[in-house]
């Protein structure tokens, strides 16, 4: 098991000013409680609403258990080697109630095994198609 590799370079993008953020986000913006990621998204100006729509589509979708959603995100972060997503979502996954064993399983270099079968299935589905077995494709069609 290996977690996503840390970045070897550091790029810093300055956050927009509170005034610029408030202009995009609106009156609900509170600099004391707003997440840095929301502040960063506000810097995209006219793309902000689309980005927030995507975030809501991922995190507010009805009918998916929050733990399952976090397993999907963690496995995708592992497969795509995205340390930022891994770092942010391991905390969120723990907050949803995933155990450290389940979180670590998402970082498996091989097939995910030994945890809730639903999590195993979504981890298989998160693999790039070239790595998925034909048996998995059949199981997902059912």
N, C-alpha and C. Protein backbone atom coordinates (compact mmCIF):
# COMPACT_ATOMS: atom_id res chain seq x y z
N UNK A 1 0.85 -1.18 0.00
CA UNK A 1 0.00 0.00 0.00
C UNK A 1 0.89 1.23 0.00
N UNK A 2 0.64 2.12 -0.93
CA UNK A 2 1.31 3.41 -0.94
C UNK A 2 0.29 4.49 -1.21
N UNK A 3 0.40 5.54 -0.46
CA UNK A 3 -0.48 6.68 -0.67
C UNK A 3 0.03 7.47 -1.86
N UNK A 4 -0.78 8.35 -2.42
CA UNK A 4 -0.31 9.15 -3.54
C UNK A 4 1.00 9.87 -3.20
N UNK A 5 1.87 9.96 -4.17
CA UNK A 5 3.19 10.57 -4.01
C UNK A 5 3.04 12.07 -3.80
N UNK A 6 3.78 12.59 -2.84
CA UNK A 6 3.74 14.03 -2.60
C UNK A 6 4.30 14.76 -3.81
N UNK A 7 3.79 15.96 -4.02
CA UNK A 7 4.28 16.77 -5.13
C UNK A 7 5.76 17.09 -4.93
N UNK A 8 6.51 17.13 -6.02
CA UNK A 8 7.93 17.47 -5.93
C UNK A 8 8.18 18.94 -6.19
N UNK A 9 7.20 19.65 -6.69
CA UNK A 9 7.34 21.09 -6.91
C UNK A 9 6.22 21.80 -6.16
N UNK A 10 6.44 23.04 -5.89
CA UNK A 10 5.45 23.81 -5.16
C UNK A 10 5.05 25.02 -5.99
N UNK A 11 3.78 25.12 -6.25
CA UNK A 11 3.23 26.25 -6.97
C UNK A 11 2.28 26.95 -6.02
N UNK A 12 2.44 28.22 -5.90
CA UNK A 12 1.55 28.98 -5.02
C UNK A 12 0.76 29.97 -5.86
N UNK A 13 -0.54 29.89 -5.71
CA UNK A 13 -1.44 30.82 -6.39
C UNK A 13 -2.05 31.68 -5.29
N UNK A 14 -1.88 32.98 -5.37
CA UNK A 14 -2.42 33.83 -4.32
C UNK A 14 -3.95 33.77 -4.27
N UNK A 15 -4.49 33.82 -3.08
CA UNK A 15 -5.93 33.85 -2.90
C UNK A 15 -6.45 35.22 -3.32
N UNK A 16 -7.65 35.26 -3.87
CA UNK A 16 -8.26 36.56 -4.17
C UNK A 16 -8.49 37.33 -2.86
N UNK A 17 -8.62 38.61 -2.96
CA UNK A 17 -8.91 39.43 -1.78
C UNK A 17 -10.32 39.10 -1.28
N UNK A 18 -10.58 39.43 -0.02
CA UNK A 18 -11.92 39.19 0.53
C UNK A 18 -12.99 39.93 -0.27
N UNK A 19 -12.66 41.13 -0.73
CA UNK A 19 -13.61 41.88 -1.55
C UNK A 19 -13.93 41.18 -2.86
N UNK A 20 -12.90 40.64 -3.50
CA UNK A 20 -13.10 39.92 -4.77
C UNK A 20 -13.90 38.65 -4.54
N UNK A 21 -13.63 37.97 -3.44
CA UNK A 21 -14.37 36.74 -3.12
C UNK A 21 -15.84 37.08 -2.86
N UNK A 22 -16.08 38.10 -2.06
CA UNK A 22 -17.45 38.49 -1.74
C UNK A 22 -18.22 38.87 -3.00
N UNK A 23 -17.54 39.49 -3.96
CA UNK A 23 -18.18 39.88 -5.22
C UNK A 23 -18.69 38.64 -5.98
N UNK A 24 -17.92 37.55 -5.92
CA UNK A 24 -18.29 36.32 -6.63
C UNK A 24 -19.25 35.46 -5.81
N UNK A 25 -18.94 35.28 -4.53
CA UNK A 25 -19.72 34.37 -3.68
C UNK A 25 -21.03 35.02 -3.23
N UNK A 26 -20.98 36.29 -2.92
CA UNK A 26 -22.18 36.99 -2.48
C UNK A 26 -22.14 37.32 -1.00
N UNK A 27 -23.27 37.78 -0.50
CA UNK A 27 -23.37 38.26 0.89
C UNK A 27 -23.13 37.17 1.92
N UNK A 28 -23.31 35.92 1.53
CA UNK A 28 -23.13 34.81 2.48
C UNK A 28 -21.65 34.56 2.81
N UNK A 29 -20.74 35.19 2.07
CA UNK A 29 -19.31 34.95 2.29
C UNK A 29 -18.88 35.45 3.66
N UNK A 30 -18.27 34.57 4.43
CA UNK A 30 -17.71 34.91 5.74
C UNK A 30 -16.25 34.47 5.72
N UNK A 31 -15.31 35.43 5.68
CA UNK A 31 -13.90 35.07 5.58
C UNK A 31 -13.39 34.22 6.74
N UNK A 32 -14.06 34.30 7.88
CA UNK A 32 -13.62 33.53 9.05
C UNK A 32 -13.98 32.05 8.94
N UNK A 33 -15.03 31.73 8.18
CA UNK A 33 -15.47 30.33 8.12
C UNK A 33 -15.35 29.69 6.74
N UNK A 34 -15.12 30.50 5.72
CA UNK A 34 -15.05 29.95 4.36
C UNK A 34 -13.81 29.07 4.20
N UNK A 35 -13.99 27.93 3.57
CA UNK A 35 -12.87 27.04 3.29
C UNK A 35 -11.96 27.67 2.24
N UNK A 36 -10.66 27.40 2.36
CA UNK A 36 -9.72 27.93 1.38
C UNK A 36 -10.06 27.50 -0.03
N UNK A 37 -10.58 26.30 -0.18
CA UNK A 37 -10.92 25.82 -1.52
C UNK A 37 -12.04 26.66 -2.13
N UNK A 38 -12.99 27.12 -1.32
CA UNK A 38 -14.05 27.99 -1.82
C UNK A 38 -13.46 29.34 -2.22
N UNK A 39 -12.53 29.84 -1.41
CA UNK A 39 -11.86 31.10 -1.75
C UNK A 39 -11.10 30.95 -3.08
N UNK A 40 -10.43 29.83 -3.23
CA UNK A 40 -9.69 29.58 -4.47
C UNK A 40 -10.64 29.51 -5.66
N UNK A 41 -11.75 28.79 -5.50
CA UNK A 41 -12.72 28.69 -6.57
C UNK A 41 -13.28 30.06 -6.95
N UNK A 42 -13.44 30.94 -5.96
CA UNK A 42 -13.96 32.29 -6.24
C UNK A 42 -13.02 33.04 -7.18
N UNK A 43 -11.74 32.70 -7.16
CA UNK A 43 -10.79 33.33 -8.06
C UNK A 43 -11.02 32.99 -9.52
N UNK A 44 -11.88 32.01 -9.79
CA UNK A 44 -12.19 31.64 -11.17
C UNK A 44 -13.28 32.52 -11.75
N UNK A 45 -13.83 33.40 -10.92
CA UNK A 45 -14.87 34.37 -11.27
C UNK A 45 -16.06 33.74 -11.96
N UNK A 46 -16.19 33.90 -13.29
CA UNK A 46 -17.41 33.46 -13.97
C UNK A 46 -17.56 31.94 -14.04
N UNK A 47 -16.53 31.20 -13.70
CA UNK A 47 -16.61 29.73 -13.70
C UNK A 47 -17.02 29.21 -12.32
N UNK A 48 -17.08 30.11 -11.33
CA UNK A 48 -17.36 29.73 -9.94
C UNK A 48 -18.64 28.91 -9.82
N UNK A 49 -19.74 29.37 -10.41
CA UNK A 49 -21.02 28.66 -10.28
C UNK A 49 -20.93 27.24 -10.84
N UNK A 50 -20.23 27.07 -11.96
CA UNK A 50 -20.09 25.73 -12.55
C UNK A 50 -19.27 24.83 -11.64
N UNK A 51 -18.20 25.37 -11.07
CA UNK A 51 -17.36 24.57 -10.16
C UNK A 51 -18.15 24.17 -8.93
N UNK A 52 -18.87 25.11 -8.36
CA UNK A 52 -19.68 24.80 -7.17
C UNK A 52 -20.76 23.78 -7.54
N UNK A 53 -21.31 23.88 -8.74
CA UNK A 53 -22.28 22.88 -9.20
C UNK A 53 -21.68 21.49 -9.25
N UNK A 54 -20.44 21.39 -9.74
CA UNK A 54 -19.75 20.10 -9.78
C UNK A 54 -19.51 19.57 -8.37
N UNK A 55 -19.06 20.43 -7.48
CA UNK A 55 -18.83 20.02 -6.09
C UNK A 55 -20.12 19.51 -5.46
N UNK A 56 -21.20 20.24 -5.67
CA UNK A 56 -22.50 19.80 -5.13
C UNK A 56 -22.93 18.48 -5.75
N UNK A 57 -22.67 18.30 -7.04
CA UNK A 57 -23.04 17.04 -7.70
C UNK A 57 -22.30 15.86 -7.08
N UNK A 58 -21.08 16.08 -6.63
CA UNK A 58 -20.30 15.01 -6.02
C UNK A 58 -20.70 14.82 -4.56
N UNK A 59 -20.80 15.90 -3.80
CA UNK A 59 -20.96 15.78 -2.36
C UNK A 59 -22.40 15.83 -1.86
N UNK A 60 -23.34 16.26 -2.68
CA UNK A 60 -24.72 16.35 -2.22
C UNK A 60 -25.66 15.42 -2.98
N UNK A 61 -25.11 14.54 -3.80
CA UNK A 61 -25.95 13.65 -4.58
C UNK A 61 -26.78 12.77 -3.63
N UNK A 62 -28.04 12.62 -3.97
CA UNK A 62 -28.96 11.82 -3.17
C UNK A 62 -28.79 10.33 -3.50
N UNK A 63 -28.96 9.50 -2.51
CA UNK A 63 -28.99 8.07 -2.75
C UNK A 63 -27.65 7.36 -2.66
N UNK A 64 -26.58 8.09 -2.32
CA UNK A 64 -25.30 7.42 -2.12
C UNK A 64 -24.83 7.69 -0.70
N UNK A 65 -24.44 6.63 -0.05
CA UNK A 65 -23.95 6.73 1.31
C UNK A 65 -22.66 7.56 1.34
N UNK A 66 -22.53 8.50 2.26
CA UNK A 66 -21.32 9.34 2.32
C UNK A 66 -20.02 8.53 2.43
N UNK A 67 -20.06 7.40 3.14
CA UNK A 67 -18.84 6.58 3.24
C UNK A 67 -18.48 5.97 1.89
N UNK A 68 -19.48 5.54 1.15
CA UNK A 68 -19.23 4.98 -0.19
C UNK A 68 -18.67 6.06 -1.10
N UNK A 69 -19.25 7.25 -1.03
CA UNK A 69 -18.76 8.37 -1.83
C UNK A 69 -17.28 8.65 -1.52
N UNK A 70 -16.93 8.65 -0.25
CA UNK A 70 -15.54 8.91 0.14
C UNK A 70 -14.61 7.80 -0.33
N UNK A 71 -15.08 6.56 -0.33
CA UNK A 71 -14.25 5.47 -0.86
C UNK A 71 -13.98 5.68 -2.34
N UNK A 72 -14.98 6.12 -3.08
CA UNK A 72 -14.80 6.38 -4.51
C UNK A 72 -13.76 7.48 -4.70
N UNK A 73 -13.88 8.55 -3.95
CA UNK A 73 -12.96 9.68 -4.07
C UNK A 73 -11.54 9.26 -3.68
N UNK A 74 -11.41 8.52 -2.58
CA UNK A 74 -10.07 8.09 -2.15
C UNK A 74 -9.42 7.16 -3.17
N UNK A 75 -10.20 6.23 -3.69
CA UNK A 75 -9.62 5.31 -4.67
C UNK A 75 -9.22 6.06 -5.94
N UNK A 76 -10.03 7.01 -6.36
CA UNK A 76 -9.67 7.82 -7.53
C UNK A 76 -8.41 8.63 -7.25
N UNK A 77 -8.29 9.17 -6.04
CA UNK A 77 -7.08 9.93 -5.68
C UNK A 77 -5.85 9.02 -5.72
N UNK A 78 -6.00 7.78 -5.28
CA UNK A 78 -4.89 6.83 -5.32
C UNK A 78 -4.53 6.49 -6.77
N UNK A 79 -5.52 6.11 -7.55
CA UNK A 79 -5.30 5.69 -8.92
C UNK A 79 -4.70 6.82 -9.76
N UNK A 80 -5.18 8.05 -9.52
CA UNK A 80 -4.72 9.20 -10.29
C UNK A 80 -3.51 9.89 -9.65
N UNK A 81 -3.04 9.34 -8.52
CA UNK A 81 -1.88 9.88 -7.79
C UNK A 81 -2.08 11.37 -7.50
N UNK A 82 -3.16 11.67 -6.80
CA UNK A 82 -3.50 13.05 -6.46
C UNK A 82 -3.36 13.27 -4.95
N UNK A 83 -2.16 13.69 -4.52
CA UNK A 83 -1.94 13.84 -3.08
C UNK A 83 -2.86 14.86 -2.41
N UNK A 84 -3.21 15.94 -3.12
CA UNK A 84 -4.09 16.94 -2.51
C UNK A 84 -5.44 16.32 -2.19
N UNK A 85 -6.02 15.62 -3.15
CA UNK A 85 -7.33 14.99 -2.93
C UNK A 85 -7.24 13.93 -1.83
N UNK A 86 -6.15 13.19 -1.83
CA UNK A 86 -5.98 12.15 -0.80
C UNK A 86 -5.94 12.79 0.58
N UNK A 87 -5.12 13.81 0.73
CA UNK A 87 -4.97 14.46 2.03
C UNK A 87 -6.30 15.04 2.51
N UNK A 88 -6.98 15.77 1.67
CA UNK A 88 -8.24 16.40 2.07
C UNK A 88 -9.31 15.36 2.38
N UNK A 89 -9.39 14.33 1.55
CA UNK A 89 -10.49 13.39 1.69
C UNK A 89 -10.24 12.29 2.71
N UNK A 90 -9.01 12.06 3.15
CA UNK A 90 -8.82 11.11 4.25
C UNK A 90 -9.46 11.67 5.51
N UNK A 91 -9.37 12.97 5.70
CA UNK A 91 -10.02 13.60 6.86
C UNK A 91 -11.55 13.53 6.72
N UNK A 92 -12.04 13.82 5.52
CA UNK A 92 -13.48 13.76 5.31
C UNK A 92 -13.99 12.33 5.45
N UNK A 93 -13.22 11.38 4.96
CA UNK A 93 -13.61 9.97 5.07
C UNK A 93 -13.71 9.54 6.53
N UNK A 94 -12.73 9.94 7.31
CA UNK A 94 -12.77 9.62 8.74
C UNK A 94 -13.99 10.27 9.40
N UNK A 95 -14.30 11.49 8.99
CA UNK A 95 -15.46 12.19 9.56
C UNK A 95 -16.78 11.50 9.19
N UNK A 96 -16.82 10.79 8.06
CA UNK A 96 -18.05 10.08 7.69
C UNK A 96 -18.17 8.75 8.43
N UNK A 97 -17.07 8.33 9.07
CA UNK A 97 -17.11 7.08 9.83
C UNK A 97 -16.31 5.94 9.23
N UNK A 98 -15.59 6.18 8.12
CA UNK A 98 -14.73 5.12 7.59
C UNK A 98 -13.59 4.86 8.57
N UNK A 99 -13.25 3.60 8.73
CA UNK A 99 -12.16 3.24 9.64
C UNK A 99 -10.82 3.48 8.96
N UNK A 100 -9.75 3.52 9.75
CA UNK A 100 -8.41 3.69 9.17
C UNK A 100 -8.08 2.49 8.29
N UNK A 101 -8.60 1.30 8.62
CA UNK A 101 -8.39 0.11 7.79
C UNK A 101 -9.04 0.29 6.42
N UNK A 102 -10.25 0.84 6.40
CA UNK A 102 -10.95 1.06 5.13
C UNK A 102 -10.25 2.14 4.30
N UNK A 103 -9.81 3.20 4.96
CA UNK A 103 -9.10 4.27 4.26
C UNK A 103 -7.80 3.74 3.67
N UNK A 104 -7.05 2.98 4.47
CA UNK A 104 -5.80 2.40 3.99
C UNK A 104 -6.04 1.43 2.83
N UNK A 105 -7.16 0.72 2.86
CA UNK A 105 -7.46 -0.23 1.78
C UNK A 105 -7.59 0.50 0.45
N UNK A 106 -8.11 1.71 0.47
CA UNK A 106 -8.26 2.48 -0.77
C UNK A 106 -6.91 2.81 -1.39
N UNK A 107 -5.85 2.77 -0.59
CA UNK A 107 -4.50 3.06 -1.08
C UNK A 107 -3.77 1.80 -1.56
N UNK A 108 -4.47 0.69 -1.60
CA UNK A 108 -3.85 -0.57 -2.02
C UNK A 108 -3.26 -0.45 -3.42
N UNK A 109 -2.08 -1.04 -3.59
CA UNK A 109 -1.46 -1.07 -4.91
C UNK A 109 -2.12 -2.09 -5.82
N UNK A 110 -2.78 -3.04 -5.23
CA UNK A 110 -3.47 -4.07 -6.00
C UNK A 110 -4.96 -3.99 -5.74
N UNK A 111 -5.65 -5.08 -5.94
CA UNK A 111 -7.09 -5.09 -5.68
C UNK A 111 -7.38 -4.79 -4.22
N UNK A 112 -8.46 -4.08 -3.98
CA UNK A 112 -8.90 -3.78 -2.62
C UNK A 112 -9.66 -4.99 -2.11
N UNK A 113 -9.26 -5.49 -0.95
CA UNK A 113 -9.89 -6.68 -0.37
C UNK A 113 -10.03 -6.49 1.14
N UNK A 114 -10.84 -7.35 1.75
CA UNK A 114 -10.93 -7.41 3.20
C UNK A 114 -11.76 -6.34 3.87
N UNK A 115 -12.53 -5.59 3.09
CA UNK A 115 -13.41 -4.58 3.68
C UNK A 115 -14.82 -4.79 3.15
N UNK A 116 -15.73 -3.93 3.52
CA UNK A 116 -17.12 -4.00 3.09
C UNK A 116 -17.18 -4.30 1.58
N UNK A 117 -17.91 -5.33 1.17
CA UNK A 117 -17.97 -5.69 -0.26
C UNK A 117 -18.43 -4.55 -1.18
N UNK A 118 -19.29 -3.67 -0.68
CA UNK A 118 -19.71 -2.52 -1.49
C UNK A 118 -18.51 -1.60 -1.77
N UNK A 119 -17.65 -1.42 -0.78
CA UNK A 119 -16.47 -0.58 -0.96
C UNK A 119 -15.48 -1.24 -1.92
N UNK A 120 -15.37 -2.56 -1.82
CA UNK A 120 -14.51 -3.30 -2.75
C UNK A 120 -14.99 -3.08 -4.19
N UNK A 121 -16.31 -3.17 -4.40
CA UNK A 121 -16.86 -3.00 -5.74
C UNK A 121 -16.61 -1.59 -6.28
N UNK A 122 -16.86 -0.55 -5.46
CA UNK A 122 -16.65 0.80 -5.98
C UNK A 122 -15.16 1.09 -6.21
N UNK A 123 -14.30 0.45 -5.43
CA UNK A 123 -12.86 0.60 -5.68
C UNK A 123 -12.47 -0.06 -7.00
N UNK A 124 -13.06 -1.22 -7.29
CA UNK A 124 -12.81 -1.86 -8.59
C UNK A 124 -13.30 -0.97 -9.72
N UNK A 125 -14.46 -0.38 -9.53
CA UNK A 125 -15.03 0.47 -10.57
C UNK A 125 -14.23 1.76 -10.77
N UNK A 126 -13.45 2.14 -9.77
CA UNK A 126 -12.64 3.36 -9.87
C UNK A 126 -11.33 3.14 -10.61
N UNK A 127 -11.03 1.91 -10.94
CA UNK A 127 -9.79 1.61 -11.67
C UNK A 127 -9.95 2.02 -13.13
N UNK A 128 -8.86 2.44 -13.76
CA UNK A 128 -8.94 2.74 -15.20
C UNK A 128 -9.44 1.52 -15.96
N UNK A 129 -10.21 1.75 -17.01
CA UNK A 129 -10.82 0.65 -17.76
C UNK A 129 -9.79 -0.36 -18.24
N UNK A 130 -8.60 0.09 -18.58
CA UNK A 130 -7.59 -0.86 -19.08
C UNK A 130 -7.16 -1.86 -18.00
N UNK A 131 -7.44 -1.53 -16.73
CA UNK A 131 -7.04 -2.42 -15.64
C UNK A 131 -8.21 -3.25 -15.11
N UNK A 132 -9.42 -2.95 -15.53
CA UNK A 132 -10.58 -3.67 -15.05
C UNK A 132 -10.69 -5.02 -15.76
N UNK A 133 -11.11 -6.00 -14.99
CA UNK A 133 -11.30 -7.31 -15.61
C UNK A 133 -12.65 -7.38 -16.30
N UNK A 134 -12.77 -8.28 -17.24
CA UNK A 134 -14.06 -8.44 -17.92
C UNK A 134 -15.12 -8.91 -16.94
N UNK A 135 -14.74 -9.64 -15.90
CA UNK A 135 -15.71 -10.08 -14.90
C UNK A 135 -16.31 -8.88 -14.18
N UNK A 136 -15.49 -7.89 -13.89
CA UNK A 136 -16.00 -6.69 -13.22
C UNK A 136 -16.98 -5.97 -14.13
N UNK A 137 -16.65 -5.85 -15.39
CA UNK A 137 -17.54 -5.18 -16.33
C UNK A 137 -18.89 -5.87 -16.38
N UNK A 138 -18.89 -7.19 -16.35
CA UNK A 138 -20.14 -7.95 -16.34
C UNK A 138 -20.90 -7.68 -15.05
N UNK A 139 -20.20 -7.67 -13.92
CA UNK A 139 -20.86 -7.44 -12.62
C UNK A 139 -21.46 -6.04 -12.57
N UNK A 140 -20.80 -5.05 -13.12
CA UNK A 140 -21.31 -3.68 -13.08
C UNK A 140 -22.53 -3.50 -13.97
N UNK A 141 -22.67 -4.30 -15.01
CA UNK A 141 -23.82 -4.20 -15.91
C UNK A 141 -25.09 -4.72 -15.26
N UNK A 142 -24.97 -5.55 -14.23
CA UNK A 142 -26.14 -6.17 -13.59
C UNK A 142 -26.94 -5.21 -12.81
